[in-house]
């Protein structure tokens, strides 16, 4: 399995074509918010009723912690250790 610079390996890899057909934008926002919440040991509201929280605010908060604004991370090949050519969107979801 690929891994991040911090050594994190994903539990599951999802085909990107599944996002528009099986998931909503809310899932992606939940993933960004959950990523920030895990980094700060806090909580995140992933419901559609979020108030005073925007994707831009979450992106700004992630960037302030030295992460890419929209959840992408550099990943490395699990066999060779060579960096993958493209950044991968990764984050905790339920």
Protein backbone atom coordinates (compact mmCIF):
# COMPACT_ATOMS: atom_id res chain seq x y z
CA UNK A 1 0.00 0.00 0.00
CA UNK A 2 1.17 3.54 -0.58
CA UNK A 3 2.14 5.60 2.45
CA UNK A 4 2.46 9.28 3.34
CA UNK A 5 5.55 11.15 4.45
CA UNK A 6 4.39 10.57 8.04
CA UNK A 7 4.13 6.81 7.41
CA UNK A 8 0.33 6.64 7.29
CA UNK A 9 -1.10 3.95 5.01
CA UNK A 10 -4.75 4.13 3.94
CA UNK A 11 -7.19 1.49 5.17
CA UNK A 12 -9.08 1.67 1.90
CA UNK A 13 -8.45 3.11 -1.55
CA UNK A 14 -11.50 4.45 -3.39
CA UNK A 15 -11.78 4.78 -7.14
CA UNK A 16 -12.11 8.52 -7.91
CA UNK A 17 -15.02 7.77 -10.24
CA UNK A 18 -17.03 6.71 -7.17
CA UNK A 19 -17.12 10.27 -5.83
CA UNK A 20 -19.65 11.79 -8.28
CA UNK A 21 -21.80 8.66 -8.54
CA UNK A 22 -21.89 7.43 -4.93
CA UNK A 23 -20.81 10.26 -2.66
CA UNK A 24 -21.76 13.85 -2.14
CA UNK A 25 -19.68 16.95 -1.73
CA UNK A 26 -20.57 16.65 1.96
CA UNK A 27 -18.38 13.56 2.21
CA UNK A 28 -15.41 15.52 0.89
CA UNK A 29 -16.08 18.42 3.27
CA UNK A 30 -16.43 15.92 6.13
CA UNK A 31 -13.07 14.42 5.20
CA UNK A 32 -11.35 17.83 5.25
CA UNK A 33 -12.98 18.81 8.54
CA UNK A 34 -12.13 15.44 10.11
CA UNK A 35 -8.52 15.78 9.00
CA UNK A 36 -8.23 19.13 10.77
CA UNK A 37 -10.07 17.77 13.83
CA UNK A 38 -7.69 14.83 14.17
CA UNK A 39 -4.68 17.11 13.89
CA UNK A 40 -5.99 19.37 16.65
CA UNK A 41 -7.60 16.62 18.79
CA UNK A 42 -10.89 18.42 18.32
CA UNK A 43 -14.32 17.77 16.87
CA UNK A 44 -15.82 18.57 13.49
CA UNK A 45 -19.40 18.94 12.36
CA UNK A 46 -19.80 17.09 9.07
CA UNK A 47 -23.55 17.61 8.75
CA UNK A 48 -25.15 19.83 6.11
CA UNK A 49 -26.22 22.12 8.95
CA UNK A 50 -22.72 23.44 9.67
CA UNK A 51 -22.78 27.08 10.57
CA UNK A 52 -19.93 29.55 10.39
CA UNK A 53 -17.64 26.89 8.91
CA UNK A 54 -16.69 27.01 5.25
CA UNK A 55 -14.42 24.92 3.07
CA UNK A 56 -12.17 27.97 2.74
CA UNK A 57 -11.88 28.25 6.53
CA UNK A 58 -11.03 24.56 6.87
CA UNK A 59 -8.50 24.90 4.02
CA UNK A 60 -6.93 27.92 5.71
CA UNK A 61 -6.70 26.03 9.03
CA UNK A 62 -5.08 23.00 7.35
CA UNK A 63 -2.60 25.27 5.56
CA UNK A 64 -1.69 26.94 8.85
CA UNK A 65 -0.67 23.49 10.12
CA UNK A 66 1.66 22.99 7.10
CA UNK A 67 -0.73 20.70 5.20
CA UNK A 68 -2.02 21.17 1.67
CA UNK A 69 -5.16 23.29 1.70
CA UNK A 70 -7.53 20.76 0.13
CA UNK A 71 -6.42 17.48 1.71
CA UNK A 72 -3.92 16.29 -0.90
CA UNK A 73 -0.73 14.64 0.30
CA UNK A 74 2.43 13.31 -1.26
CA UNK A 75 2.45 9.53 -1.17
CA UNK A 76 5.13 6.94 -1.80
CA UNK A 77 5.02 3.53 -3.47
CA UNK A 78 4.76 0.83 -0.79
CA UNK A 79 7.18 -1.51 -2.60
CA UNK A 80 9.88 0.78 -3.93
CA UNK A 81 9.53 3.86 -1.74
CA UNK A 82 9.49 6.06 -4.84
CA UNK A 83 7.32 9.16 -4.66
CA UNK A 84 4.06 8.90 -6.63
CA UNK A 85 3.82 11.40 -9.48
CA UNK A 86 0.57 13.02 -8.31
CA UNK A 87 -0.71 14.18 -4.92
CA UNK A 88 -3.48 12.01 -3.43
CA UNK A 89 -6.58 13.24 -1.57
CA UNK A 90 -6.49 11.48 1.79
CA UNK A 91 -8.29 11.89 5.08
CA UNK A 92 -10.37 10.18 7.78
CA UNK A 93 -14.02 9.42 7.02
CA UNK A 94 -16.74 7.23 8.46
